[in-house]
Amino acid sequence: MTYTVLRSNVKVLRPGDPYFTISNGVVVTSRAGFEISKNCPAEYKSIFITAINAGWIKPVAHVTEEEYMVMQLSN
């Protein structure tokens, strides 16, 4: 029996990881985030905000291994 193991070329960046933030020399911002629609009912918005603040929902960014390598080389 043989197994084929496929290796993903996608890297997950989480808050606190190197390169999770983007800086242009003046402004530093997260590479990923949340956007809650203005049409979202206030009750749901409150639940989302509570979950985000509690750390139950966290932003993640996905980059390819190639993109990640370029980010490392550019610093």
C-alpha atoms as a PDB file:
ATOM      1  CA  MET A   1       0.000   0.000   0.000  1.00  0.00           C
ATOM      2  CA  THR A   2       1.323   3.480  -0.818  1.00  0.00           C
ATOM      3  CA  TYR A   3       0.315   6.858   0.469  1.00  0.00           C
ATOM      4  CA  THR A   4       0.608  10.139  -1.311  1.00  0.00           C
ATOM      5  CA  VAL A   5       1.015  13.048   1.064  1.00  0.00           C
ATOM      6  CA  LEU A   6       0.215  16.410  -0.436  1.00  0.00           C
ATOM      7  CA  ARG A   7       1.929  19.358   1.194  1.00  0.00           C
ATOM      8  CA  SER A   8       0.006  22.600   1.131  1.00  0.00           C
ATOM      9  CA  ASN A   9       1.853  25.650  -0.107  1.00  0.00           C
ATOM     10  CA  VAL A  10      -0.440  27.935   1.904  1.00  0.00           C
ATOM     11  CA  LYS A  11       0.780  29.431   5.167  1.00  0.00           C
ATOM     12  CA  VAL A  12      -1.606  30.720   7.832  1.00  0.00           C
ATOM     13  CA  LEU A  13      -0.616  33.924   9.608  1.00  0.00           C
ATOM     14  CA  ARG A  14      -2.195  34.722  12.954  1.00  0.00           C
ATOM     15  CA  PRO A  15      -2.074  37.835  15.142  1.00  0.00           C
ATOM     16  CA  GLY A  16       1.358  38.048  16.728  1.00  0.00           C
ATOM     17  CA  ASP A  17       3.057  36.094  13.911  1.00  0.00           C
ATOM     18  CA  PRO A  18       5.817  37.818  11.972  1.00  0.00           C
ATOM     19  CA  TYR A  19       4.409  39.483   8.826  1.00  0.00           C
ATOM     20  CA  PHE A  20       0.806  39.468  10.105  1.00  0.00           C
ATOM     21  CA  THR A  21       0.991  43.241   9.997  1.00  0.00           C
ATOM     22  CA  ILE A  22       1.760  45.444   7.000  1.00  0.00           C
ATOM     23  CA  SER A  23       3.767  48.636   7.400  1.00  0.00           C
ATOM     24  CA  ASN A  24       4.433  51.383   4.873  1.00  0.00           C
ATOM     25  CA  GLY A  25       6.828  53.209   7.186  1.00  0.00           C
ATOM     26  CA  VAL A  26       4.111  55.419   8.660  1.00  0.00           C
ATOM     27  CA  VAL A  27       1.069  53.214   9.232  1.00  0.00           C
ATOM     28  CA  VAL A  28       0.993  49.655  10.613  1.00  0.00           C
ATOM     29  CA  THR A  29      -2.144  47.630   9.946  1.00  0.00           C
ATOM     30  CA  SER A  30      -3.234  44.001  10.206  1.00  0.00           C
ATOM     31  CA  ARG A  31      -3.056  41.847   7.097  1.00  0.00           C
ATOM     32  CA  ALA A  32      -6.474  40.354   7.959  1.00  0.00           C
ATOM     33  CA  GLY A  33      -9.510  41.583   9.826  1.00  0.00           C
ATOM     34  CA  PHE A  34     -13.266  41.589  10.116  1.00  0.00           C
ATOM     35  CA  GLU A  35     -15.868  43.726   8.420  1.00  0.00           C
ATOM     36  CA  ILE A  36     -19.378  43.723   9.832  1.00  0.00           C
ATOM     37  CA  SER A  37     -22.004  45.016   7.417  1.00  0.00           C
ATOM     38  CA  LYS A  38     -24.045  48.083   8.334  1.00  0.00           C
ATOM     39  CA  ASN A  39     -27.093  45.909   7.610  1.00  0.00           C
ATOM     40  CA  CYS A  40     -26.146  43.457  10.387  1.00  0.00           C
ATOM     41  CA  PRO A  41     -28.720  43.601  13.197  1.00  0.00           C
ATOM     42  CA  ALA A  42     -27.366  45.197  16.393  1.00  0.00           C
ATOM     43  CA  GLU A  43     -27.966  41.999  18.402  1.00  0.00           C
ATOM     44  CA  TYR A  44     -25.763  39.947  16.049  1.00  0.00           C
ATOM     45  CA  LYS A  45     -23.144  42.692  15.861  1.00  0.00           C
ATOM     46  CA  SER A  46     -22.947  42.688  19.659  1.00  0.00           C
ATOM     47  CA  ILE A  47     -22.475  38.905  19.692  1.00  0.00           C
ATOM     48  CA  PHE A  48     -19.687  39.121  17.082  1.00  0.00           C
ATOM     49  CA  ILE A  49     -17.924  41.897  18.979  1.00  0.00           C
ATOM     50  CA  THR A  50     -18.156  39.943  22.242  1.00  0.00           C
ATOM     51  CA  ALA A  51     -16.747  36.817  20.560  1.00  0.00           C
ATOM     52  CA  ILE A  52     -13.889  38.778  18.932  1.00  0.00           C
ATOM     53  CA  ASN A  53     -13.013  40.573  22.182  1.00  0.00           C
ATOM     54  CA  ALA A  54     -13.061  37.256  24.081  1.00  0.00           C
ATOM     55  CA  GLY A  55     -10.689  35.718  21.526  1.00  0.00           C
ATOM     56  CA  TRP A  56     -13.186  33.089  20.388  1.00  0.00           C
ATOM     57  CA  ILE A  57     -13.048  34.442  16.835  1.00  0.00           C
ATOM     58  CA  LYS A  58      -9.651  35.567  15.519  1.00  0.00           C
ATOM     59  CA  PRO A  59      -8.528  36.966  12.182  1.00  0.00           C
ATOM     60  CA  VAL A  60      -6.153  34.869  10.066  1.00  0.00           C
ATOM     61  CA  ALA A  61      -4.400  35.671   6.807  1.00  0.00           C
ATOM     62  CA  HIS A  62      -3.487  33.110   4.161  1.00  0.00           C
ATOM     63  CA  VAL A  63      -0.410  33.555   1.988  1.00  0.00           C
ATOM     64  CA  THR A  64       1.404  31.170  -0.293  1.00  0.00           C
ATOM     65  CA  GLU A  65       4.829  29.864   0.681  1.00  0.00           C
ATOM     66  CA  GLU A  66       6.270  31.915  -2.204  1.00  0.00           C
ATOM     67  CA  GLU A  67       4.669  35.136  -0.934  1.00  0.00           C
ATOM     68  CA  TYR A  68       5.902  34.374   2.581  1.00  0.00           C
ATOM     69  CA  MET A  69       9.438  33.805   1.311  1.00  0.00           C
ATOM     70  CA  VAL A  70       9.378  37.139  -0.536  1.00  0.00           C
ATOM     71  CA  MET A  71       8.172  38.866   2.663  1.00  0.00           C
ATOM     72  CA  GLN A  72      11.082  37.360   4.591  1.00  0.00           C
ATOM     73  CA  LEU A  73      13.611  38.348   1.941  1.00  0.00           C
ATOM     74  CA  SER A  74      12.327  41.919   1.679  1.00  0.00           C
ATOM     75  CA  ASN A  75      13.160  42.710   5.327  1.00  0.00           C
END
